[in-house]
Protein backbone atom coordinates (compact mmCIF):
# COMPACT_ATOMS: atom_id res chain seq x y z
CA UNK A 1 -16.71 9.03 10.72
CA UNK A 2 -19.47 8.94 13.34
CA UNK A 3 -21.42 12.18 13.87
CA UNK A 4 -20.75 13.24 17.47
CA UNK A 5 -23.89 15.42 17.64
CA UNK A 6 -26.09 12.49 16.60
CA UNK A 7 -24.40 10.21 19.12
CA UNK A 8 -24.88 12.64 22.01
CA UNK A 9 -28.47 13.39 20.99
CA UNK A 10 -29.23 9.67 20.82
CA UNK A 11 -27.56 8.98 24.17
CA UNK A 12 -29.49 11.82 25.84
CA UNK A 13 -32.67 9.78 25.49
CA UNK A 14 -31.15 7.45 28.09
CA UNK A 15 -30.59 10.56 30.24
CA UNK A 16 -34.25 11.47 29.71
CA UNK A 17 -36.06 8.20 30.40
CA UNK A 18 -33.73 6.81 33.07
CA UNK A 19 -35.45 9.18 35.48
CA UNK A 20 -38.50 6.94 35.14
CA UNK A 21 -36.45 3.78 35.63
CA UNK A 22 -34.83 4.91 38.89
CA UNK A 23 -37.30 7.36 40.47
CA UNK A 24 -40.52 5.56 39.53
CA UNK A 25 -39.78 1.88 38.83
CA UNK A 26 -37.00 1.24 41.34
CA UNK A 27 -37.85 3.64 44.16
CA UNK A 28 -41.05 5.63 44.55
CA UNK A 29 -43.63 3.38 42.93
CA UNK A 30 -42.74 0.33 45.08
CA UNK A 31 -42.56 2.61 48.13
CA UNK A 32 -45.90 4.32 47.48
CA UNK A 33 -47.61 1.10 46.45
CA UNK A 34 -46.67 -0.49 49.77
CA UNK A 35 -47.18 2.45 52.13
CA UNK A 36 -49.65 4.84 50.45
CA UNK A 37 -51.75 3.20 47.75
CA UNK A 38 -52.01 -0.15 49.63
CA UNK A 39 -52.35 1.17 53.17
CA UNK A 40 -52.92 -1.65 55.65
CA UNK A 41 -52.16 -4.50 53.21
CA UNK A 42 -49.76 -7.29 54.14
CA UNK A 43 -46.18 -6.90 52.86
CA UNK A 44 -46.27 -10.13 50.85
CA UNK A 45 -49.53 -9.02 49.17
CA UNK A 46 -48.00 -5.73 48.05
CA UNK A 47 -44.96 -7.64 46.76
CA UNK A 48 -47.34 -9.76 44.69
CA UNK A 49 -49.14 -6.65 43.40
CA UNK A 50 -45.84 -5.10 42.35
CA UNK A 51 -44.76 -8.26 40.57
CA UNK A 52 -48.16 -8.52 38.87
CA UNK A 53 -48.00 -4.89 37.68
CA UNK A 54 -44.55 -5.42 36.16
CA UNK A 55 -45.66 -8.67 34.56
CA UNK A 56 -48.81 -7.26 32.92
CA UNK A 57 -46.84 -4.43 31.33
CA UNK A 58 -44.17 -6.87 30.22
CA UNK A 59 -46.64 -9.21 28.52
CA UNK A 60 -48.29 -6.37 26.60
CA UNK A 61 -45.09 -4.91 25.16
CA UNK A 62 -43.64 -8.36 24.52
CA UNK A 63 -46.56 -9.15 22.22
CA UNK A 64 -46.36 -5.80 20.41
CA UNK A 65 -42.61 -5.26 19.97
CA UNK A 66 -41.66 -7.68 17.14
CA UNK A 67 -44.53 -6.82 14.79
CA UNK A 68 -44.23 -3.07 15.44
CA UNK A 69 -40.49 -3.30 14.86
CA UNK A 70 -40.97 -5.08 11.54
CA UNK A 71 -43.54 -2.49 10.45
CA UNK A 72 -41.24 0.35 11.47
CA UNK A 73 -38.41 -1.13 9.39
CA UNK A 74 -40.63 -1.26 6.30
CA UNK A 75 -42.14 2.19 6.81
CA UNK A 76 -39.04 3.95 8.17
CA UNK A 77 -40.98 5.05 11.27
CA UNK A 78 -38.79 4.01 14.21
CA UNK A 79 -38.72 7.57 15.52
CA UNK A 80 -42.46 7.97 15.10
CA UNK A 81 -43.16 4.89 17.20
CA UNK A 82 -40.59 6.04 19.76
CA UNK A 83 -42.43 9.37 20.10
CA UNK A 84 -45.81 7.63 20.39
CA UNK A 85 -44.76 5.27 23.18
CA UNK A 86 -42.74 7.92 25.01
CA UNK A 87 -45.67 10.35 24.95
CA UNK A 88 -47.98 7.73 26.44
CA UNK A 89 -45.47 6.94 29.18
CA UNK A 90 -44.92 10.60 30.01
CA UNK A 91 -48.65 11.28 30.36
CA UNK A 92 -49.25 8.17 32.50
CA UNK A 93 -46.28 8.99 34.74
CA UNK A 94 -47.66 12.47 35.32
CA UNK A 95 -51.00 10.83 36.14
CA UNK A 96 -49.47 8.98 39.10
CA UNK A 97 -49.31 12.34 40.86
CA UNK A 98 -53.10 12.33 41.11
CA UNK A 99 -53.72 8.80 42.43
CA UNK A 100 -55.01 9.23 45.99
CA UNK A 101 -54.23 7.20 49.10
CA UNK A 102 -55.70 3.70 48.88
CA UNK A 103 -56.27 3.85 45.11
CA UNK A 104 -53.88 1.02 44.31
CA UNK A 105 -55.90 -0.19 41.32
CA UNK A 106 -55.66 3.20 39.59
CA UNK A 107 -51.98 3.51 40.50
CA UNK A 108 -51.20 0.05 39.09
CA UNK A 109 -53.14 0.80 35.89
CA UNK A 110 -51.23 4.05 35.32
CA UNK A 111 -47.94 2.33 36.11
CA UNK A 112 -48.64 -0.53 33.71
CA UNK A 113 -49.38 1.89 30.85
CA UNK A 114 -46.32 3.99 31.70
CA UNK A 115 -44.18 0.83 31.73
CA UNK A 116 -45.52 -0.19 28.33
CA UNK A 117 -44.63 3.24 26.96
CA UNK A 118 -41.20 3.16 28.55
CA UNK A 119 -40.35 -0.29 27.20
CA UNK A 120 -41.89 0.32 23.78
CA UNK A 121 -39.97 3.56 23.24
CA UNK A 122 -36.76 1.83 24.34
CA UNK A 123 -37.24 -0.82 21.66
CA UNK A 124 -37.18 1.78 18.89
CA UNK A 125 -34.48 3.80 20.63
CA UNK A 126 -32.25 0.71 20.70
CA UNK A 127 -32.96 0.09 17.01
CA UNK A 128 -31.61 3.57 16.19
CA UNK A 129 -28.20 2.61 17.64
CA UNK A 130 -27.05 1.10 14.35
CA UNK A 131 -27.85 4.36 12.55
CA UNK A 132 -25.75 6.58 14.85
CA UNK A 133 -22.67 4.39 15.46
CA UNK A 134 -20.38 2.36 13.21
CA UNK A 135 -19.68 -1.28 14.15
CA UNK A 136 -16.28 -0.59 15.82
CA UNK A 137 -17.91 1.90 18.20
CA UNK A 138 -21.15 0.07 19.02
CA UNK A 139 -19.98 -1.04 22.48
CA UNK A 140 -18.72 2.41 23.49
CA UNK A 141 -21.73 4.32 22.16
CA UNK A 142 -24.16 1.89 23.81
CA UNK A 143 -22.31 2.26 27.11
CA UNK A 144 -22.32 6.05 26.73
CA UNK A 145 -26.11 5.96 26.60
CA UNK A 146 -26.38 3.93 29.78
CA UNK A 147 -23.75 6.11 31.50
CA UNK A 148 -25.67 9.29 30.69
CA UNK A 149 -28.78 7.51 31.92
CA UNK A 150 -27.13 6.93 35.28
CA UNK A 151 -26.06 10.57 35.49
CA UNK A 152 -29.30 12.14 34.32
CA UNK A 153 -31.55 9.79 36.24
CA UNK A 154 -29.31 10.13 39.29
CA UNK A 155 -29.36 13.93 39.29
CA UNK A 156 -33.15 14.14 39.22
CA UNK A 157 -33.43 11.28 41.71
CA UNK A 158 -31.07 13.10 44.08
CA UNK A 159 -33.33 16.15 43.97
CA UNK A 160 -36.42 13.99 44.49
CA UNK A 161 -34.81 12.21 47.43
CA UNK A 162 -33.91 15.56 49.02
CA UNK A 163 -37.54 16.64 48.59
CA UNK A 164 -38.81 13.55 50.41
CA UNK A 165 -36.25 13.78 53.22
CA UNK A 166 -36.70 17.52 53.85
CA UNK A 167 -40.08 18.47 52.34
CA UNK A 168 -40.43 21.67 54.39
CA UNK A 169 -37.28 23.13 52.80
CA UNK A 170 -38.98 22.84 49.40
CA UNK A 171 -42.26 24.34 50.59
CA UNK A 172 -44.00 20.96 50.66
CA UNK A 173 -46.37 19.68 53.32
CA UNK A 174 -44.86 16.21 53.75
CA UNK A 175 -42.97 13.39 52.07
CA UNK A 176 -46.13 12.13 50.35
CA UNK A 177 -46.57 15.44 48.57
CA UNK A 178 -42.90 15.34 47.60
CA UNK A 179 -43.29 11.88 46.02
CA UNK A 180 -46.39 12.93 44.09
CA UNK A 181 -44.57 16.00 42.79
CA UNK A 182 -41.63 13.79 41.83
CA UNK A 183 -43.81 11.82 39.43
CA UNK A 184 -44.68 15.04 37.60
CA UNK A 185 -41.03 16.12 37.54
CA UNK A 186 -40.01 12.80 35.98
CA UNK A 187 -42.58 13.30 33.23
CA UNK A 188 -41.33 16.83 32.49
CA UNK A 189 -37.66 15.75 32.55
CA UNK A 190 -38.39 12.91 30.16
CA UNK A 191 -40.21 15.19 27.72
CA UNK A 192 -37.60 17.96 27.68
CA UNK A 193 -34.50 15.81 27.24
CA UNK A 194 -36.08 13.73 24.47
CA UNK A 195 -36.03 16.78 22.20
CA UNK A 196 -32.38 16.44 20.96
CA UNK A 197 -33.06 12.93 19.66
CA UNK A 198 -36.18 14.11 17.88
CA UNK A 199 -34.28 16.94 16.17
CA UNK A 200 -30.84 15.57 15.39
CA UNK A 201 -31.19 11.78 15.01
CA UNK A 202 -32.51 11.11 11.53
CA UNK A 203 -34.50 8.08 10.50
CA UNK A 204 -32.27 5.73 8.43
CA UNK A 205 -33.19 5.58 4.77
CA UNK A 206 -35.44 2.75 3.63
CA UNK A 207 -35.54 1.74 -0.05
CA UNK A 208 -39.12 1.53 -1.28
CA UNK A 209 -40.51 2.98 1.96
CA UNK A 210 -44.11 1.89 2.58
CA UNK A 211 -46.94 3.41 4.56
CA UNK A 212 -50.32 2.49 6.00
CA UNK A 213 -51.62 -1.04 5.51
CA UNK A 214 -48.87 -1.75 2.98
CA UNK A 215 -46.29 -1.28 5.75
CA UNK A 216 -48.33 -3.46 8.12
CA UNK A 217 -48.64 -6.23 5.53
CA UNK A 218 -44.96 -6.04 4.56
CA UNK A 219 -43.93 -6.00 8.21
CA UNK A 220 -45.98 -9.11 8.94
CA UNK A 221 -44.46 -10.91 5.93
CA UNK A 222 -40.96 -9.83 6.99
CA UNK A 223 -41.54 -11.12 10.51
CA UNK A 224 -42.83 -14.45 9.19
CA UNK A 225 -39.79 -14.75 6.92
CA UNK A 226 -37.46 -14.11 9.84
CA UNK A 227 -39.12 -16.87 11.84
CA UNK A 228 -38.70 -19.27 8.91
CA UNK A 229 -34.98 -18.35 8.73
CA UNK A 230 -34.42 -19.18 12.38
CA UNK A 231 -31.90 -21.93 11.57
CA UNK A 232 -29.66 -19.54 9.65
CA UNK A 233 -29.77 -17.07 12.53
CA UNK A 234 -29.04 -19.64 15.25
CA UNK A 235 -26.32 -17.48 16.86
CA UNK A 236 -28.81 -14.65 17.25
CA UNK A 237 -31.41 -17.02 18.67
CA UNK A 238 -28.95 -18.58 21.10
CA UNK A 239 -27.96 -15.16 22.36
CA UNK A 240 -31.60 -14.14 22.76
CA UNK A 241 -32.37 -17.18 24.92
CA UNK A 242 -29.28 -16.52 27.06
CA UNK A 243 -30.27 -12.86 27.31
CA UNK A 244 -33.83 -13.79 28.29
CA UNK A 245 -32.51 -15.71 31.27
CA UNK A 246 -29.80 -13.46 32.67
CA UNK A 247 -31.54 -10.13 31.97
CA UNK A 248 -34.53 -11.55 33.82
CA UNK A 249 -32.35 -11.66 36.92
CA UNK A 250 -30.94 -8.18 36.30
CA UNK A 251 -34.38 -6.64 35.82
CA UNK A 252 -35.88 -8.44 38.80
CA UNK A 253 -33.12 -7.17 41.09
CA UNK A 254 -33.68 -3.59 39.86
CA UNK A 255 -37.46 -3.68 40.19
CA UNK A 256 -37.79 -5.66 43.43
CA UNK A 257 -34.80 -4.47 45.50
CA UNK A 258 -36.69 -1.63 47.16
CA UNK A 259 -39.63 -3.87 48.00
CA UNK A 260 -37.29 -6.58 49.33
CA UNK A 261 -35.44 -4.16 51.59
CA UNK A 262 -38.70 -2.91 53.10
CA UNK A 263 -40.03 -6.47 53.47
CA UNK A 264 -37.06 -7.48 55.66
CA UNK A 265 -37.48 -4.39 57.84
CA UNK A 266 -35.08 -1.73 56.51
CA UNK A 267 -36.03 1.94 56.68
CA UNK A 268 -37.29 3.15 53.30
CA UNK A 269 -35.36 6.44 53.45
CA UNK A 270 -32.07 4.60 53.82
CA UNK A 271 -33.01 2.31 50.96
CA UNK A 272 -33.66 5.31 48.71
CA UNK A 273 -30.21 6.70 49.52
CA UNK A 274 -28.70 3.32 48.59
CA UNK A 275 -30.41 3.45 45.20
CA UNK A 276 -29.03 6.95 44.70
CA UNK A 277 -25.52 5.64 45.38
CA UNK A 278 -26.07 3.00 42.70
CA UNK A 279 -26.79 5.70 40.12
CA UNK A 280 -23.57 7.61 40.57
CA UNK A 281 -21.38 4.53 40.92
CA UNK A 282 -22.85 3.31 37.65
CA UNK A 283 -21.73 6.34 35.61
CA UNK A 284 -17.95 5.77 35.47
CA UNK A 285 -18.33 1.98 35.69
CA UNK A 286 -20.53 1.80 32.60
CA UNK A 287 -18.13 3.93 30.57
CA UNK A 288 -15.32 1.60 31.67
CA UNK A 289 -17.36 -1.39 30.48
CA UNK A 290 -17.56 0.25 27.05
CA UNK A 291 -13.78 0.25 26.74
CA UNK A 292 -13.61 -3.26 28.19
CA UNK A 293 -16.06 -4.48 25.55
CA UNK A 294 -14.11 -2.80 22.75
CA UNK A 295 -10.84 -4.32 23.99
CA UNK A 296 -11.82 -7.83 25.12
CA UNK A 297 -15.29 -8.36 23.67
CA UNK A 298 -18.78 -7.92 25.07
CA UNK A 299 -19.02 -11.43 26.50
CA UNK A 300 -16.09 -10.89 28.87
CA UNK A 301 -17.75 -7.82 30.35
CA UNK A 302 -21.12 -9.53 30.68
CA UNK A 303 -19.54 -12.47 32.52
CA UNK A 304 -17.90 -10.13 35.02
CA UNK A 305 -21.29 -8.58 35.69
CA UNK A 306 -23.09 -11.89 36.08
CA UNK A 307 -20.47 -13.09 38.57
CA UNK A 308 -21.10 -10.00 40.70
CA UNK A 309 -24.87 -10.50 40.48
CA UNK A 310 -24.61 -14.11 41.67
CA UNK A 311 -22.48 -13.10 44.63
CA UNK A 312 -24.79 -10.18 45.44
CA UNK A 313 -27.89 -12.41 45.38
CA UNK A 314 -26.34 -14.86 47.84
CA UNK A 315 -25.26 -11.99 50.09
CA UNK A 316 -28.70 -10.39 49.84
CA UNK A 317 -30.35 -13.59 51.07
CA UNK A 318 -28.31 -13.54 54.26
CA UNK A 319 -27.94 -9.79 54.93
CA UNK A 320 -29.05 -8.42 58.27
CA UNK A 321 -27.89 -4.79 58.34
CA UNK A 322 -28.59 -1.68 56.30
CA UNK A 323 -24.86 -1.15 55.61
CA UNK A 324 -24.93 -4.43 53.70
CA UNK A 325 -27.68 -3.07 51.46
CA UNK A 326 -25.42 -0.07 50.76
CA UNK A 327 -22.52 -2.36 49.91
CA UNK A 328 -24.69 -4.40 47.57
CA UNK A 329 -25.96 -1.18 45.96
CA UNK A 330 -22.37 -0.22 45.16
CA UNK A 331 -21.60 -3.70 43.78
CA UNK A 332 -24.70 -3.71 41.57
CA UNK A 333 -24.01 -0.16 40.44
CA UNK A 334 -20.58 -1.20 39.21
CA UNK A 335 -21.94 -3.83 36.82
CA UNK A 336 -25.62 -3.22 36.04
CA UNK A 337 -25.09 -0.68 33.27
CA UNK A 338 -22.24 -2.72 31.83
CA UNK A 339 -24.32 -5.88 31.49
CA UNK A 340 -27.22 -4.00 29.92
CA UNK A 341 -25.22 -1.85 27.53
CA UNK A 342 -22.87 -4.60 26.34
CA UNK A 343 -25.85 -6.90 25.77
CA UNK A 344 -27.43 -4.22 23.58
CA UNK A 345 -24.28 -3.58 21.55
CA UNK A 346 -23.45 -7.29 21.23
CA UNK A 347 -26.92 -7.88 19.79
CA UNK A 348 -26.58 -4.86 17.47
CA UNK A 349 -23.36 -6.41 16.14
CA UNK A 350 -24.76 -9.88 15.39
CA UNK A 351 -28.16 -8.94 13.89
CA UNK A 352 -28.85 -7.51 10.37
CA UNK A 353 -28.72 -3.70 10.66
CA UNK A 354 -31.35 -3.11 7.96
CA UNK A 355 -33.88 -4.97 10.10
CA UNK A 356 -32.91 -3.37 13.40
CA UNK A 357 -36.47 -2.44 14.39
CA UNK A 358 -37.68 -6.01 13.89
CA UNK A 359 -34.73 -7.63 15.65
CA UNK A 360 -34.73 -5.20 18.54
CA UNK A 361 -38.44 -5.94 18.76
CA UNK A 362 -37.50 -9.56 19.47
CA UNK A 363 -34.74 -8.39 21.81
CA UNK A 364 -37.11 -6.25 23.83
CA UNK A 365 -39.86 -8.85 23.60
CA UNK A 366 -37.64 -11.31 25.42
CA UNK A 367 -36.52 -8.59 27.80
CA UNK A 368 -40.17 -7.97 28.64
CA UNK A 369 -40.94 -11.65 29.05
CA UNK A 370 -38.01 -11.62 31.46
CA UNK A 371 -39.77 -8.84 33.36
CA UNK A 372 -42.85 -11.05 33.44
CA UNK A 373 -41.10 -14.17 34.67
CA UNK A 374 -38.71 -12.83 37.29
CA UNK A 375 -40.97 -10.52 39.35
CA UNK A 376 -43.84 -13.00 39.12
CA UNK A 377 -41.59 -15.83 40.34
CA UNK A 378 -40.31 -13.73 43.22
CA UNK A 379 -43.77 -12.46 44.14
CA UNK A 380 -45.30 -15.94 43.97
CA UNK A 381 -42.43 -17.47 45.95
CA UNK A 382 -42.90 -14.81 48.62
CA UNK A 383 -46.60 -15.67 48.91
CA UNK A 384 -45.96 -19.42 48.89
CA UNK A 385 -43.16 -19.43 51.47
CA UNK A 386 -44.15 -16.39 53.50
CA UNK A 387 -40.50 -15.30 53.22
CA UNK A 388 -39.14 -12.56 50.97
CA UNK A 389 -35.62 -13.85 51.70
CA UNK A 390 -36.26 -17.32 50.30
CA UNK A 391 -37.99 -15.81 47.27
CA UNK A 392 -34.90 -14.02 45.94
CA UNK A 393 -32.96 -17.28 45.60
CA UNK A 394 -34.94 -18.12 42.46
CA UNK A 395 -32.92 -15.39 40.71
CA UNK A 396 -29.70 -17.43 40.99
CA UNK A 397 -30.86 -20.04 38.49
CA UNK A 398 -31.55 -17.33 35.92
CA UNK A 399 -28.04 -15.86 36.11
CA UNK A 400 -26.35 -19.27 35.98
CA UNK A 401 -28.42 -20.67 33.09
CA UNK A 402 -28.05 -17.47 31.06
CA UNK A 403 -24.29 -17.45 31.57
CA UNK A 404 -23.95 -21.06 30.43
CA UNK A 405 -25.83 -20.41 27.17
CA UNK A 406 -23.89 -17.19 26.52
CA UNK A 407 -20.68 -19.23 26.45
CA UNK A 408 -21.80 -20.85 23.18
CA UNK A 409 -22.54 -17.52 21.42
CA UNK A 410 -19.81 -16.83 18.82
CA UNK A 411 -19.84 -13.03 18.51
CA UNK A 412 -17.49 -12.83 15.49
CA UNK A 413 -19.36 -15.53 13.56
CA UNK A 414 -22.65 -13.76 14.31
CA UNK A 415 -21.23 -10.47 13.01
CA UNK A 416 -20.23 -12.14 9.73
CA UNK A 417 -23.74 -13.52 9.21
CA UNK A 418 -25.22 -10.10 10.05
CA UNK A 419 -23.12 -8.40 7.37
CA UNK A 420 -24.49 -10.86 4.83
CA UNK A 421 -27.99 -9.67 5.73
């Protein structure tokens, strides 16, 4: 029987760090980078800077994740690494409050380090999924985490949006002060709501637990052995390549939507409200995807989401009115959490549970390379064509190619191999 307290405590980390994903990554950092830290810069240049910032952070964590995951498996230190990366991210996020107007280099540096901490902690958080949920409940527990993330991140984001729209009512001088304060609030929120996971989610037992250089050496050997066994784990590898492609599109939409809306002339306050709508639409939809995955399989749910993303990308290219951005926000909100959470639980089902840190290191490595490729492609296409509209069309190929490869992933066969270790 699964321990409900452990499940809720684990899922609350999504509640905690999703405030960074929505308030900082999706909304206020792109907004402030364009209008405050890069005052006077051309819109396509700030789009490039945003894509570059996301890409640098992605490369760093992509290189670190697999080896750190393998070491954590050998040493039984998944939680310790989670705490380390989360603490770095929290401190850097708070630091954004102090970056002054025009200091885009400092702001980007803080954001890159915060992104590395966010992504690194998520890698070890994901790896703990197999220690809090049994195989039959992986899809539902994974979706619960994302659903709580939508709710928790959405609640704080709603307060932050209210502060920027009506700063005087909160005793603030202007919207800029409200945004700077929001960065500090995200850091505090993240720290406080991480506490249940630290207390109630226990590190899974490791036979012959190692420490120090012995863990590093064993982790490196374990990683090398996994790479040599790639043929035996071909279902896992096929899924990871498919995931690399389609999650690239998902992540690029999330990170660049705000910038894209501003680039085509929409008012930033209305765009922020649209992102807020996405959060609260995502809560019930993600829970529904958990039941869908348990009933029909994760792949069916992921395909529904990818179909919506393809349609939304085509619509986004042609949209002319702010109401269309709202409609797209609702559509994305209905499927974003489902695609992400079912991908996580599908992977947890087909990879060896005893090596979860290592395998989720690969999982997040590819997710981070996706963050490198997508934003950089969009940013570079915007500079090359001079059109932010034309740039978003590159995302279509990622969704389509990822969906084609996913078709060949046999979830049940992968689960059988995983049980064999």
